[in-house]
C-alpha cells in the first residue's frame, strides 16, 4: 500500500466514524428509538434558574406546602449545627 493509499484509507475511516456518530446522535434523524419522544427543551428561559425558596411555592400549593412543612424534607438541607441537630456525634 502506498503512502497516498494509506492516507486515503485513514481519511475514509475517520469520515465513516464521523457519519456513524452523527447518525447515532440523531443529526440525520436516524437513531430515535420507536415510541420514544425527544426530550422537551424550553425555548426561552423567562427567569434565570436559581433557588427561589420554599415560600415561592406556598401560595399556589398550600396543601402540599403544609404537608411538606411537617415532614423531614423541610429540614433536610439545613446546615448541621447545634441548633438544627438533636444529637451530637463524637469523633
Protein backbone atom coordinates (compact mmCIF):
# COMPACT_ATOMS: atom_id res chain seq x y z
CA UNK A 1 0.00 0.00 0.00
CA UNK A 2 1.41 3.36 -0.99
CA UNK A 3 1.54 6.34 1.38
CA UNK A 4 -1.26 8.02 -0.56
CA UNK A 5 -3.48 4.97 -0.33
CA UNK A 6 -2.85 4.81 3.41
CA UNK A 7 -3.86 8.45 3.86
CA UNK A 8 -7.00 7.94 1.76
CA UNK A 9 -7.90 4.85 3.79
CA UNK A 10 -7.36 6.69 7.09
CA UNK A 11 -9.49 9.63 5.94
CA UNK A 12 -12.22 7.23 4.80
CA UNK A 13 -12.26 5.55 8.21
CA UNK A 14 -12.44 8.92 10.02
CA UNK A 15 -15.29 10.11 7.77
CA UNK A 16 -17.16 6.83 8.27
CA UNK A 17 -16.81 7.09 12.05
CA UNK A 18 -17.93 10.74 12.00
CA UNK A 19 -21.01 9.84 9.94
CA UNK A 20 -21.80 6.95 12.26
CA UNK A 21 -21.50 9.21 15.31
CA UNK A 22 -23.67 11.89 13.67
CA UNK A 23 -26.32 9.29 12.87
CA UNK A 24 -26.14 7.88 16.40
CA UNK A 25 -26.69 11.33 17.94
CA UNK A 26 -29.66 11.95 15.69
CA UNK A 27 -28.16 14.52 13.32
CA UNK A 28 -29.80 12.71 10.42
CA UNK A 29 -32.86 11.67 12.43
CA UNK A 30 -31.88 8.03 12.25
CA UNK A 31 -31.27 6.89 15.82
CA UNK A 32 -34.54 7.73 17.54
CA UNK A 33 -35.98 4.71 19.26
CA UNK A 34 -39.55 3.92 18.20
CA UNK A 35 -42.09 5.30 20.63
CA UNK A 36 -39.54 7.41 22.49
CA UNK A 37 -40.26 11.13 22.47
CA UNK A 38 -37.36 13.56 22.23
CA UNK A 39 -36.55 15.49 25.40
CA UNK A 40 -38.53 18.66 25.92
CA UNK A 41 -36.31 21.73 25.95
CA UNK A 42 -37.79 25.09 26.86
CA UNK A 43 -37.49 27.60 24.02
CA UNK A 44 -36.67 30.61 26.17
CA UNK A 45 -35.96 30.73 29.86
CA UNK A 46 -38.04 33.58 31.24
CA UNK A 47 -36.32 33.61 34.61
CA UNK A 48 -32.71 32.62 35.17
CA UNK A 49 -32.58 29.34 37.07
CA UNK A 50 -31.88 29.55 40.74
CA UNK A 51 -33.21 28.67 44.15
CA UNK A 52 -36.30 30.73 44.95
CA UNK A 53 -37.01 29.37 48.41
CA UNK A 54 -39.88 27.29 49.73
CA UNK A 55 -42.16 30.31 50.26
CA UNK A 56 -42.41 30.73 46.48
CA UNK A 57 -44.49 27.53 46.33
CA UNK A 58 -46.74 28.26 49.29
CA UNK A 59 -49.44 30.39 47.60
CA UNK A 60 -50.21 28.06 44.69
CA UNK A 61 -49.66 24.78 46.55
CA UNK A 62 -50.98 25.48 50.04
CA UNK A 63 -51.92 21.90 50.97
CA UNK A 64 -48.68 20.44 49.66
CA UNK A 65 -46.68 23.16 51.39
CA UNK A 66 -48.40 22.49 54.71
CA UNK A 67 -47.73 18.74 54.46
CA UNK A 68 -44.13 19.41 53.45
CA UNK A 69 -43.61 21.76 56.41
CA UNK A 70 -44.49 18.88 58.75
CA UNK A 71 -42.10 16.45 57.09
CA UNK A 72 -38.39 15.85 57.46
CA UNK A 73 -37.93 17.03 53.87
CA UNK A 74 -38.49 20.60 55.03
CA UNK A 75 -35.34 20.47 57.17
CA UNK A 76 -33.26 18.02 55.15
CA UNK A 77 -30.90 20.59 53.64
CA UNK A 78 -30.30 22.73 56.71
CA UNK A 79 -26.74 23.28 57.83
CA UNK A 80 -25.94 20.83 60.61
CA UNK A 81 -25.13 22.75 63.80
CA UNK A 82 -26.11 22.81 67.48
CA UNK A 83 -29.43 24.49 66.65
CA UNK A 84 -30.54 22.09 63.90
CA UNK A 85 -29.22 18.75 65.21
CA UNK A 86 -30.92 16.91 68.03
CA UNK A 87 -27.83 14.85 68.92
CA UNK A 88 -24.09 15.35 68.75
CA UNK A 89 -21.63 12.84 67.45
CA UNK A 90 -18.24 12.18 68.94
CA UNK A 91 -15.34 11.57 66.62
